[in-house]
Protein backbone atom coordinates (compact mmCIF):
# COMPACT_ATOMS: atom_id res chain seq x y z
CA UNK A 1 -90.18 -5.05 28.67
CA UNK A 2 -87.20 -3.23 30.69
CA UNK A 3 -87.64 0.28 29.99
CA UNK A 4 -84.24 1.14 31.82
CA UNK A 5 -82.07 -1.25 29.76
CA UNK A 6 -84.25 -1.71 26.47
CA UNK A 7 -85.21 -0.12 23.79
CA UNK A 8 -88.42 -0.94 22.30
CA UNK A 9 -86.51 -1.82 18.92
CA UNK A 10 -84.52 -4.19 20.40
CA UNK A 11 -87.41 -6.20 22.05
CA UNK A 12 -86.56 -9.96 21.00
CA UNK A 13 -83.25 -9.19 19.81
CA UNK A 14 -79.71 -9.62 22.37
CA UNK A 15 -79.47 -6.12 23.90
CA UNK A 16 -75.51 -4.86 24.14
CA UNK A 17 -74.16 -1.71 25.25
CA UNK A 18 -72.52 1.08 23.42
CA UNK A 19 -69.22 1.88 23.90
CA UNK A 20 -68.67 5.92 24.06
CA UNK A 21 -64.98 6.06 25.00
CA UNK A 22 -62.06 7.89 23.11
CA UNK A 23 -59.26 5.34 23.61
CA UNK A 24 -59.69 4.66 19.71
CA UNK A 25 -58.78 8.37 18.74
CA UNK A 26 -56.05 10.27 17.76
CA UNK A 27 -54.03 12.99 20.12
CA UNK A 28 -54.48 17.03 18.91
CA UNK A 29 -50.92 16.47 17.30
CA UNK A 30 -52.21 13.64 15.07
CA UNK A 31 -50.25 11.29 16.81
CA UNK A 32 -52.00 7.62 17.96
CA UNK A 33 -53.00 7.34 21.26
CA UNK A 34 -52.07 3.66 22.38
CA UNK A 35 -54.84 2.15 24.25
CA UNK A 36 -53.53 1.21 28.08
CA UNK A 37 -56.79 -0.06 29.61
CA UNK A 38 -59.99 -1.83 28.43
CA UNK A 39 -63.43 -0.40 28.64
CA UNK A 40 -65.37 0.97 31.21
CA UNK A 41 -68.92 1.29 32.83
CA UNK A 42 -68.91 5.11 32.75
CA UNK A 43 -67.99 5.05 29.29
CA UNK A 44 -71.13 3.00 28.37
CA UNK A 45 -73.72 4.62 26.43
CA UNK A 46 -77.20 3.54 24.96
CA UNK A 47 -79.09 3.57 21.39
CA UNK A 48 -80.56 6.78 20.36
CA UNK A 49 -84.14 7.32 20.78
CA UNK A 50 -85.32 8.15 17.26
CA UNK A 51 -88.35 10.24 18.26
CA UNK A 52 -91.15 10.01 15.46
CA UNK A 53 -94.14 12.02 14.59
CA UNK A 54 -97.02 10.15 16.06
CA UNK A 55 -99.24 9.49 19.41
CA UNK A 56 -96.93 10.76 22.24
CA UNK A 57 -94.91 7.75 23.88
CA UNK A 58 -92.10 8.82 26.71
CA UNK A 59 -89.66 6.41 27.73
CA UNK A 60 -87.78 6.73 31.13
CA UNK A 61 -83.94 6.39 31.55
CA UNK A 62 -81.48 6.22 33.89
CA UNK A 63 -78.72 8.39 33.80
CA UNK A 64 -75.50 8.81 35.51
CA UNK A 65 -75.79 9.29 39.42
CA UNK A 66 -79.34 8.07 39.53
CA UNK A 67 -80.62 10.88 37.38
CA UNK A 68 -83.63 10.27 35.62
CA UNK A 69 -84.07 11.21 31.90
CA UNK A 70 -87.07 11.06 29.67
CA UNK A 71 -86.42 10.05 26.18
CA UNK A 72 -89.81 11.13 23.67
CA UNK A 73 -89.87 7.89 21.55
CA UNK A 74 -93.18 9.61 19.47
CA UNK A 75 -94.55 12.95 19.63
CA UNK A 76 -97.15 14.82 17.98
CA UNK A 77 -97.04 18.17 19.55
CA UNK A 78 -94.27 21.01 19.40
CA UNK A 79 -93.81 24.24 21.54
CA UNK A 80 -93.23 26.99 18.79
CA UNK A 81 -91.56 30.53 19.54
CA UNK A 82 -92.09 33.20 17.44
CA UNK A 83 -88.58 35.59 17.71
CA UNK A 84 -90.61 38.51 16.56
CA UNK A 85 -92.76 38.60 18.93
CA UNK A 86 -91.43 36.45 21.85
CA UNK A 87 -94.69 34.40 21.98
CA UNK A 88 -94.78 30.83 22.31
CA UNK A 89 -97.53 28.21 21.73
CA UNK A 90 -98.35 24.69 21.69
CA UNK A 91 -98.99 23.51 17.94
CA UNK A 92 -99.38 20.01 15.98
CA UNK A 93 -96.75 18.65 13.61
CA UNK A 94 -97.80 17.90 10.57
CA UNK A 95 -94.16 16.69 9.07
CA UNK A 96 -90.35 16.68 9.40
CA UNK A 97 -89.48 18.70 6.02
CA UNK A 98 -85.59 18.44 6.84
CA UNK A 99 -82.98 16.74 9.09
CA UNK A 100 -79.54 17.82 8.36
CA UNK A 101 -78.19 15.00 11.09
CA UNK A 102 -78.86 12.16 8.86
CA UNK A 103 -80.39 11.69 5.49
CA UNK A 104 -82.03 8.67 6.33
CA UNK A 105 -83.48 10.53 9.39
CA UNK A 106 -84.95 12.68 6.98
CA UNK A 107 -86.82 9.73 5.00
CA UNK A 108 -88.21 8.39 8.18
CA UNK A 109 -89.10 11.31 9.81
CA UNK A 110 -87.22 11.15 12.59
CA UNK A 111 -86.75 14.51 14.77
CA UNK A 112 -83.48 15.52 16.64
CA UNK A 113 -82.35 19.16 17.24
CA UNK A 114 -81.80 21.12 14.07
CA UNK A 115 -84.56 19.16 12.12
CA UNK A 116 -87.00 21.16 10.61
CA UNK A 117 -90.52 20.78 11.09
CA UNK A 118 -94.18 21.48 8.96
CA UNK A 119 -96.73 23.00 11.63
CA UNK A 120 -99.90 24.84 10.98
CA UNK A 121 -97.96 28.30 12.12
CA UNK A 122 -95.18 27.63 9.52
CA UNK A 123 -91.71 25.60 9.18
CA UNK A 124 -89.83 25.64 12.76
CA UNK A 125 -86.53 24.33 13.91
CA UNK A 126 -86.24 22.42 16.78
CA UNK A 127 -83.70 23.63 19.30
CA UNK A 128 -84.19 20.85 21.99
CA UNK A 129 -83.05 17.25 22.25
CA UNK A 130 -86.31 15.25 22.17
CA UNK A 131 -84.47 11.86 23.04
CA UNK A 132 -82.77 13.39 26.22
CA UNK A 133 -85.41 16.18 27.07
CA UNK A 134 -88.81 14.41 26.20
CA UNK A 135 -90.29 17.77 24.82
CA UNK A 136 -89.81 19.58 21.14
CA UNK A 137 -89.47 23.10 21.65
CA UNK A 138 -88.78 24.84 18.14
CA UNK A 139 -88.35 28.61 16.88
CA UNK A 140 -90.35 29.52 14.04
CA UNK A 141 -88.42 29.97 10.71
CA UNK A 142 -88.70 33.40 9.01
CA UNK A 143 -90.30 33.65 5.93
CA UNK A 144 -92.34 30.68 6.07
CA UNK A 145 -95.33 31.70 8.82
CA UNK A 146 -98.55 31.51 7.44
């Protein structure tokens, strides 16, 4: 499997890039934009990493200008910061309590920025983007500390 061009979900399936251009949107005034050209390679995107809880798996992706990005496919640890003391420590992830990004992500236990995780220290909200950074950082929520 070519890790740069394919995601693990698309193995055995015809892979097609996603277009992330904005030609289809409307103007600030509400008027319609007229599409004056076709799609361009620099507007190409990729599938979301959809990080889940499990044994650590990281994928390497090539970004624009040759920049390499780490996409976390599965993680089982989180760097939790306590806002009252300012101390950070690495702890395990028990489960995904809530994910406001998508109701389906919440059901499937997908970790994205803003997701609430259950840890031995209490509930923590994710501040990093695991699909872009390859790591999960979170801040402990007040009133849920154990």
